[in-house]
């Protein structure tokens, strides 16, 4: 299945693997880890926030939480607040639970949690619930011009 997210990776010549699974419940990231048989530390959630009033993307392990203070600092901002789900859907073109860092309507500054760099590959949403894309973290950083910083908390 092609989504805007997988199309971006294919167009950039990035190796990735798509994994479909049955999406159940509301904790989509943890459900993905369980369904795919992957450690939660390798499955990352894409979170939309506003830093000083501007959209930004934070990518953190599903087992953790986003540190708003660290996230703002990583993008040289003062204050970060989580974006309303309806706003995130409008800005990205994806539904909550299926927001991918790739192929958003408008690319926003992106920060990947530094823990991702300890894995050969990580899993991120493929642009719809029940679809994750497995990609090398360095490729994600390159395609999105992402910043790498410690933005997750336990």
C-alpha atoms as a PDB file:
ATOM      1  CA  UNK A   1       0.000   0.000   0.000  1.00  0.00           C
ATOM      2  CA  UNK A   2       1.367   3.376  -0.990  1.00  0.00           C
ATOM      3  CA  UNK A   3       0.865   6.353   1.301  1.00  0.00           C
ATOM      4  CA  UNK A   4       2.357   9.841   1.062  1.00  0.00           C
ATOM      5  CA  UNK A   5       4.897   8.674   3.674  1.00  0.00           C
ATOM      6  CA  UNK A   6       6.087   5.643   1.706  1.00  0.00           C
ATOM      7  CA  UNK A   7       6.079   7.681  -1.514  1.00  0.00           C
ATOM      8  CA  UNK A   8       8.482  10.219   0.032  1.00  0.00           C
ATOM      9  CA  UNK A   9      10.883   7.466   1.070  1.00  0.00           C
ATOM     10  CA  UNK A  10      10.693   5.728  -2.308  1.00  0.00           C
ATOM     11  CA  UNK A  11      11.288   9.014  -4.167  1.00  0.00           C
ATOM     12  CA  UNK A  12      14.336   9.696  -1.979  1.00  0.00           C
ATOM     13  CA  UNK A  13      15.741   6.226  -2.725  1.00  0.00           C
ATOM     14  CA  UNK A  14      15.576   5.227   0.948  1.00  0.00           C
ATOM     15  CA  UNK A  15      15.434   1.544   1.874  1.00  0.00           C
ATOM     16  CA  UNK A  16      12.440   0.850   4.092  1.00  0.00           C
ATOM     17  CA  UNK A  17      10.081  -1.964   4.899  1.00  0.00           C
ATOM     18  CA  UNK A  18       6.334  -1.541   5.362  1.00  0.00           C
ATOM     19  CA  UNK A  19       4.671  -3.570   8.125  1.00  0.00           C
ATOM     20  CA  UNK A  20       0.897  -3.871   8.326  1.00  0.00           C
ATOM     21  CA  UNK A  21      -0.824  -4.939  11.530  1.00  0.00           C
ATOM     22  CA  UNK A  22      -4.227  -4.918  13.165  1.00  0.00           C
ATOM     23  CA  UNK A  23      -4.610  -1.554  14.930  1.00  0.00           C
ATOM     24  CA  UNK A  24      -6.584  -1.963  18.141  1.00  0.00           C
ATOM     25  CA  UNK A  25      -7.227   0.336  21.080  1.00  0.00           C
ATOM     26  CA  UNK A  26      -6.050   3.909  21.446  1.00  0.00           C
ATOM     27  CA  UNK A  27      -2.399   3.359  22.344  1.00  0.00           C
ATOM     28  CA  UNK A  28      -1.408   2.863  18.721  1.00  0.00           C
ATOM     29  CA  UNK A  29       2.354   2.774  19.221  1.00  0.00           C
ATOM     30  CA  UNK A  30       2.316   0.127  21.928  1.00  0.00           C
ATOM     31  CA  UNK A  31      -0.234  -1.861  19.921  1.00  0.00           C
ATOM     32  CA  UNK A  32       2.125  -1.694  16.933  1.00  0.00           C
ATOM     33  CA  UNK A  33       5.053  -2.968  19.003  1.00  0.00           C
ATOM     34  CA  UNK A  34       2.995  -5.882  20.321  1.00  0.00           C
ATOM     35  CA  UNK A  35       1.490  -6.762  16.934  1.00  0.00           C
ATOM     36  CA  UNK A  36       4.874  -6.616  15.179  1.00  0.00           C
ATOM     37  CA  UNK A  37       6.740  -8.428  17.959  1.00  0.00           C
ATOM     38  CA  UNK A  38       9.214  -5.555  18.318  1.00  0.00           C
ATOM     39  CA  UNK A  39      10.640  -3.973  21.483  1.00  0.00           C
ATOM     40  CA  UNK A  40       8.813  -0.738  22.345  1.00  0.00           C
ATOM     41  CA  UNK A  41      12.189   1.062  22.341  1.00  0.00           C
ATOM     42  CA  UNK A  42      12.337   0.601  18.533  1.00  0.00           C
ATOM     43  CA  UNK A  43       8.795   1.812  17.803  1.00  0.00           C
ATOM     44  CA  UNK A  44       8.493   5.593  17.698  1.00  0.00           C
ATOM     45  CA  UNK A  45       5.463   7.855  17.828  1.00  0.00           C
ATOM     46  CA  UNK A  46       5.128  11.071  15.884  1.00  0.00           C
ATOM     47  CA  UNK A  47       3.840  13.913  18.027  1.00  0.00           C
ATOM     48  CA  UNK A  48       2.788  17.354  16.850  1.00  0.00           C
ATOM     49  CA  UNK A  49       3.392  20.372  19.034  1.00  0.00           C
ATOM     50  CA  UNK A  50       3.698  24.108  18.720  1.00  0.00           C
ATOM     51  CA  UNK A  51       6.956  25.747  19.703  1.00  0.00           C
ATOM     52  CA  UNK A  52       6.546  29.464  20.227  1.00  0.00           C
ATOM     53  CA  UNK A  53       3.331  29.198  18.191  1.00  0.00           C
ATOM     54  CA  UNK A  54       4.837  27.326  15.212  1.00  0.00           C
ATOM     55  CA  UNK A  55       4.234  23.644  14.304  1.00  0.00           C
ATOM     56  CA  UNK A  56       6.970  21.141  15.097  1.00  0.00           C
ATOM     57  CA  UNK A  57       7.325  17.354  14.964  1.00  0.00           C
ATOM     58  CA  UNK A  58       8.714  15.304  17.858  1.00  0.00           C
ATOM     59  CA  UNK A  59       9.541  11.627  17.353  1.00  0.00           C
ATOM     60  CA  UNK A  60       9.967   9.615  20.558  1.00  0.00           C
ATOM     61  CA  UNK A  61       9.787   5.944  21.613  1.00  0.00           C
ATOM     62  CA  UNK A  62       6.251   4.744  22.312  1.00  0.00           C
ATOM     63  CA  UNK A  63       7.401   3.621  25.769  1.00  0.00           C
ATOM     64  CA  UNK A  64       8.293   7.200  26.700  1.00  0.00           C
ATOM     65  CA  UNK A  65       6.859  10.692  26.775  1.00  0.00           C
ATOM     66  CA  UNK A  66       7.880  13.893  25.033  1.00  0.00           C
ATOM     67  CA  UNK A  67       9.711  16.388  27.257  1.00  0.00           C
ATOM     68  CA  UNK A  68       8.220  19.678  26.081  1.00  0.00           C
ATOM     69  CA  UNK A  69      11.059  21.647  27.667  1.00  0.00           C
ATOM     70  CA  UNK A  70      13.782  19.586  25.934  1.00  0.00           C
ATOM     71  CA  UNK A  71      11.833  19.629  22.671  1.00  0.00           C
ATOM     72  CA  UNK A  72      11.587  23.435  22.675  1.00  0.00           C
ATOM     73  CA  UNK A  73      15.273  23.747  23.551  1.00  0.00           C
ATOM     74  CA  UNK A  74      16.268  21.389  20.707  1.00  0.00           C
ATOM     75  CA  UNK A  75      14.677  23.817  18.234  1.00  0.00           C
ATOM     76  CA  UNK A  76      15.961  26.902  20.079  1.00  0.00           C
ATOM     77  CA  UNK A  77      12.478  27.786  21.246  1.00  0.00           C
ATOM     78  CA  UNK A  78      11.161  28.960  24.565  1.00  0.00           C
ATOM     79  CA  UNK A  79       7.858  27.134  25.003  1.00  0.00           C
ATOM     80  CA  UNK A  80       6.305  24.009  23.550  1.00  0.00           C
ATOM     81  CA  UNK A  81       2.684  22.897  23.913  1.00  0.00           C
ATOM     82  CA  UNK A  82       1.031  19.833  22.464  1.00  0.00           C
ATOM     83  CA  UNK A  83      -1.067  20.546  19.396  1.00  0.00           C
ATOM     84  CA  UNK A  84      -4.804  19.898  19.431  1.00  0.00           C
ATOM     85  CA  UNK A  85      -5.516  16.610  17.581  1.00  0.00           C
ATOM     86  CA  UNK A  86      -7.793  18.320  15.037  1.00  0.00           C
ATOM     87  CA  UNK A  87      -5.080  20.872  14.267  1.00  0.00           C
ATOM     88  CA  UNK A  88      -2.464  18.125  13.917  1.00  0.00           C
ATOM     89  CA  UNK A  89      -4.700  16.278  11.464  1.00  0.00           C
ATOM     90  CA  UNK A  90      -5.330  19.416   9.409  1.00  0.00           C
ATOM     91  CA  UNK A  91      -1.637  20.377   9.263  1.00  0.00           C
ATOM     92  CA  UNK A  92      -0.273  16.896   8.513  1.00  0.00           C
ATOM     93  CA  UNK A  93      -3.044  15.441   6.364  1.00  0.00           C
ATOM     94  CA  UNK A  94      -3.050  12.315   8.532  1.00  0.00           C
ATOM     95  CA  UNK A  95      -5.379  11.046  11.271  1.00  0.00           C
ATOM     96  CA  UNK A  96      -4.230  10.780  14.878  1.00  0.00           C
ATOM     97  CA  UNK A  97      -2.747   7.329  15.382  1.00  0.00           C
ATOM     98  CA  UNK A  98      -1.483   7.375  11.802  1.00  0.00           C
ATOM     99  CA  UNK A  99       0.540  10.594  11.700  1.00  0.00           C
ATOM    100  CA  UNK A 100       3.805   9.901   9.932  1.00  0.00           C
ATOM    101  CA  UNK A 101       6.836  12.167  10.060  1.00  0.00           C
ATOM    102  CA  UNK A 102       7.123  11.632   6.288  1.00  0.00           C
ATOM    103  CA  UNK A 103       4.839  13.091   3.633  1.00  0.00           C
ATOM    104  CA  UNK A 104       3.069  15.672   5.735  1.00  0.00           C
ATOM    105  CA  UNK A 105       1.179  18.412   3.887  1.00  0.00           C
ATOM    106  CA  UNK A 106       3.756  20.901   5.091  1.00  0.00           C
ATOM    107  CA  UNK A 107       7.048  19.756   6.561  1.00  0.00           C
ATOM    108  CA  UNK A 108       7.652  21.220   9.998  1.00  0.00           C
ATOM    109  CA  UNK A 109      10.913  21.319  11.956  1.00  0.00           C
ATOM    110  CA  UNK A 110      11.494  17.806  13.264  1.00  0.00           C
ATOM    111  CA  UNK A 111      13.378  16.405  16.254  1.00  0.00           C
ATOM    112  CA  UNK A 112      14.180  12.696  16.612  1.00  0.00           C
ATOM    113  CA  UNK A 113      14.943  11.422  20.093  1.00  0.00           C
ATOM    114  CA  UNK A 114      18.625  10.533  20.395  1.00  0.00           C
ATOM    115  CA  UNK A 115      17.790   6.988  21.558  1.00  0.00           C
ATOM    116  CA  UNK A 116      16.810   6.146  17.973  1.00  0.00           C
ATOM    117  CA  UNK A 117      20.440   6.352  16.913  1.00  0.00           C
ATOM    118  CA  UNK A 118      21.275   3.272  19.017  1.00  0.00           C
ATOM    119  CA  UNK A 119      19.160   1.055  16.734  1.00  0.00           C
ATOM    120  CA  UNK A 120      19.930  -0.188  13.227  1.00  0.00           C
ATOM    121  CA  UNK A 121      16.288   0.447  12.268  1.00  0.00           C
ATOM    122  CA  UNK A 122      13.263   2.012  13.938  1.00  0.00           C
ATOM    123  CA  UNK A 123       9.546   1.885  13.218  1.00  0.00           C
ATOM    124  CA  UNK A 124       7.438   4.998  12.589  1.00  0.00           C
ATOM    125  CA  UNK A 125       3.888   5.426  11.371  1.00  0.00           C
ATOM    126  CA  UNK A 126       3.416   4.848   7.679  1.00  0.00           C
ATOM    127  CA  UNK A 127       0.603   7.361   7.335  1.00  0.00           C
ATOM    128  CA  UNK A 128      -2.378   5.364   8.490  1.00  0.00           C
ATOM    129  CA  UNK A 129      -3.371   3.316  11.504  1.00  0.00           C
ATOM    130  CA  UNK A 130      -2.078  -0.209  11.167  1.00  0.00           C
ATOM    131  CA  UNK A 131       0.937   0.619   8.989  1.00  0.00           C
ATOM    132  CA  UNK A 132       4.465   1.206  10.252  1.00  0.00           C
ATOM    133  CA  UNK A 133       7.568   1.852   8.183  1.00  0.00           C
ATOM    134  CA  UNK A 134      10.888   0.381   9.280  1.00  0.00           C
ATOM    135  CA  UNK A 135      13.716   2.731   8.400  1.00  0.00           C
ATOM    136  CA  UNK A 136      17.290   3.455   9.468  1.00  0.00           C
ATOM    137  CA  UNK A 137      17.330   6.428  11.852  1.00  0.00           C
ATOM    138  CA  UNK A 138      20.109   8.120   9.853  1.00  0.00           C
ATOM    139  CA  UNK A 139      17.900   7.968   6.747  1.00  0.00           C
ATOM    140  CA  UNK A 140      15.005   9.522   8.661  1.00  0.00           C
ATOM    141  CA  UNK A 141      17.281  12.342   9.809  1.00  0.00           C
ATOM    142  CA  UNK A 142      18.566  12.920   6.289  1.00  0.00           C
ATOM    143  CA  UNK A 143      15.165  12.908   4.549  1.00  0.00           C
ATOM    144  CA  UNK A 144      13.541  15.200   7.117  1.00  0.00           C
ATOM    145  CA  UNK A 145      16.606  17.358   7.901  1.00  0.00           C
ATOM    146  CA  UNK A 146      15.777  16.405  11.482  1.00  0.00           C
ATOM    147  CA  UNK A 147      17.602  17.449  14.623  1.00  0.00           C
ATOM    148  CA  UNK A 148      18.694  14.637  16.950  1.00  0.00           C
ATOM    149  CA  UNK A 149      18.350  15.434  20.660  1.00  0.00           C
ATOM    150  CA  UNK A 150      17.330  13.842  23.953  1.00  0.00           C
ATOM    151  CA  UNK A 151      13.639  14.818  23.990  1.00  0.00           C
ATOM    152  CA  UNK A 152      12.053  11.726  25.592  1.00  0.00           C
ATOM    153  CA  UNK A 153      11.376  10.977  29.238  1.00  0.00           C
ATOM    154  CA  UNK A 154      10.398   7.672  30.826  1.00  0.00           C
END
